[in-house]
Protein backbone atom coordinates (compact mmCIF):
# COMPACT_ATOMS: atom_id res chain seq x y z
CA GLU A 1 113.73 179.98 173.67
CA LEU A 2 110.07 179.89 172.73
CA GLU A 3 109.28 182.54 175.32
CA ASN A 4 111.99 184.78 173.86
CA GLN A 5 110.58 184.33 170.36
CA LEU A 6 107.09 185.21 171.60
CA THR A 7 108.41 188.35 173.28
CA THR A 8 110.10 189.37 170.05
CA LYS A 9 106.90 188.79 168.08
CA CYS A 10 104.92 190.89 170.57
CA LYS A 11 107.37 193.75 170.15
CA THR A 12 107.10 193.42 166.37
CA LEU A 13 103.29 193.56 166.61
CA ASP A 14 103.49 196.67 168.75
CA GLU A 15 105.81 198.31 166.21
CA ILE A 16 103.39 197.43 163.39
CA LYS A 17 100.50 198.82 165.40
CA GLN A 18 102.37 202.09 165.94
CA SER A 19 103.40 202.25 162.30
CA LEU A 20 99.79 201.75 161.17
CA ALA A 21 98.59 204.41 163.54
CA LEU A 22 101.02 206.85 161.95
CA ASN A 23 100.88 205.82 158.29
CA GLY A 24 97.59 204.05 157.72
CA SER A 25 97.16 201.49 154.92
CA ALA A 26 95.69 201.72 151.46
CA GLU A 27 94.75 198.02 151.28
CA GLN A 28 92.75 197.72 154.50
CA THR A 29 91.11 200.19 156.78
CA PRO A 30 93.02 201.06 159.93
CA GLU A 31 90.15 199.67 161.98
CA ALA A 32 90.35 196.26 160.24
CA LEU A 33 94.11 196.14 160.69
CA SER A 34 93.77 197.20 164.28
CA LEU A 35 91.25 194.39 164.90
CA ARG A 36 93.56 191.88 163.23
CA ILE A 37 96.49 193.02 165.35
CA ALA A 38 94.33 192.75 168.47
CA GLU A 39 93.45 189.17 167.47
CA LEU A 40 97.12 188.41 166.97
CA CYS A 41 97.94 189.86 170.39
CA GLU A 42 95.27 187.66 171.96
CA MET A 43 96.71 184.64 170.17
CA VAL A 44 100.20 185.52 171.43
CA ASP A 45 98.87 185.86 174.99
CA SER A 46 97.21 182.46 174.65
CA ILE A 47 100.44 180.92 173.41
CA VAL A 48 102.40 182.51 176.25
CA SER A 49 99.93 180.95 178.69
CA GLN A 50 100.24 177.56 177.00
CA VAL A 51 104.05 177.78 177.11
CA ALA A 52 103.89 178.55 180.84
CA GLN A 53 101.65 175.52 181.40
CA LEU A 54 103.96 173.37 179.30
CA LYS A 55 106.97 174.59 181.27
CA THR A 56 105.28 173.66 184.56
CA SER A 57 104.30 170.27 183.17
CA MET A 58 107.81 169.61 181.90
CA GLN A 59 109.32 170.50 185.28
CA SER A 60 106.98 168.01 186.91
CA ILE A 61 107.93 165.34 184.39
CA LEU A 62 111.64 166.01 184.91
CA GLU A 63 111.16 165.64 188.67
CA GLN A 64 109.37 162.32 188.14
CA TRP A 65 112.22 161.09 185.92
CA ARG A 66 114.75 162.14 188.59
CA VAL A 67 112.85 160.10 191.19
CA TYR A 68 112.65 157.19 188.74
CA ASP A 69 116.43 157.30 188.16
CA GLU A 70 117.08 157.25 191.92
CA VAL A 71 114.74 154.32 192.50
CA TYR A 72 116.17 152.47 189.49
CA ALA A 73 119.70 152.87 190.88
CA ASP A 74 118.54 151.53 194.26
CA VAL A 75 116.78 148.55 192.67
CA SER A 76 119.81 147.83 190.50
CA LEU A 77 122.08 147.84 193.55
CA MET A 78 119.71 145.55 195.48
CA THR A 79 119.53 143.18 192.51
CA THR A 80 123.31 143.01 192.31
CA ARG A 81 123.52 142.29 196.05
CA TYR A 82 120.83 139.63 195.69
CA PHE A 83 122.70 137.87 192.89
CA TYR A 84 125.91 138.05 194.91
CA CYS A 85 124.19 136.48 197.93
CA ILE A 86 122.62 133.78 195.79
CA ASP A 87 126.00 133.04 194.26
CA GLN A 88 127.61 132.80 197.71
CA CYS A 89 124.85 130.59 199.10
CA LYS A 90 125.14 127.87 196.49
CA PRO A 91 125.53 124.39 197.89
CA SER A 92 129.17 123.44 198.25
CA VAL A 93 128.69 119.99 196.78
CA MET A 94 131.17 120.08 193.93
CA SER A 95 133.32 117.66 192.16
CA LEU A 96 137.06 117.78 192.53
CA GLU A 97 137.34 119.21 189.01
CA ALA A 98 134.84 121.98 189.78
CA LEU A 99 136.76 122.88 192.94
CA LYS A 100 140.00 123.10 190.96
CA ASN A 101 138.33 125.38 188.43
CA GLN A 102 136.99 127.61 191.21
CA VAL A 103 140.43 127.83 192.81
CA LYS A 104 141.86 128.89 189.44
CA THR A 105 139.12 131.49 189.06
CA LEU A 106 139.72 132.87 192.54
CA GLN A 107 143.49 133.04 191.95
């Protein structure tokens, strides 16, 4: 979206430059306006470059988050398996009441 806005602004600057070349301006000399437009064009080019760098950086960050999500899912699954194993490996020394409660839970 930002790239599209910058492209639109560049086109607008070009139109202004052409309009000034044809009409001139009473407030400022054409040379001063032309210099100002050139500065604006340089600023737009700089911003386009920064947006490209930001886009590359964001893609890298998104890739790192994707890897993080995959690893987190794996760790979560391993943790669940671990807790299940721990639960199954508990000593079977239980009272009669505890065994009855477990039978009810299993039913």
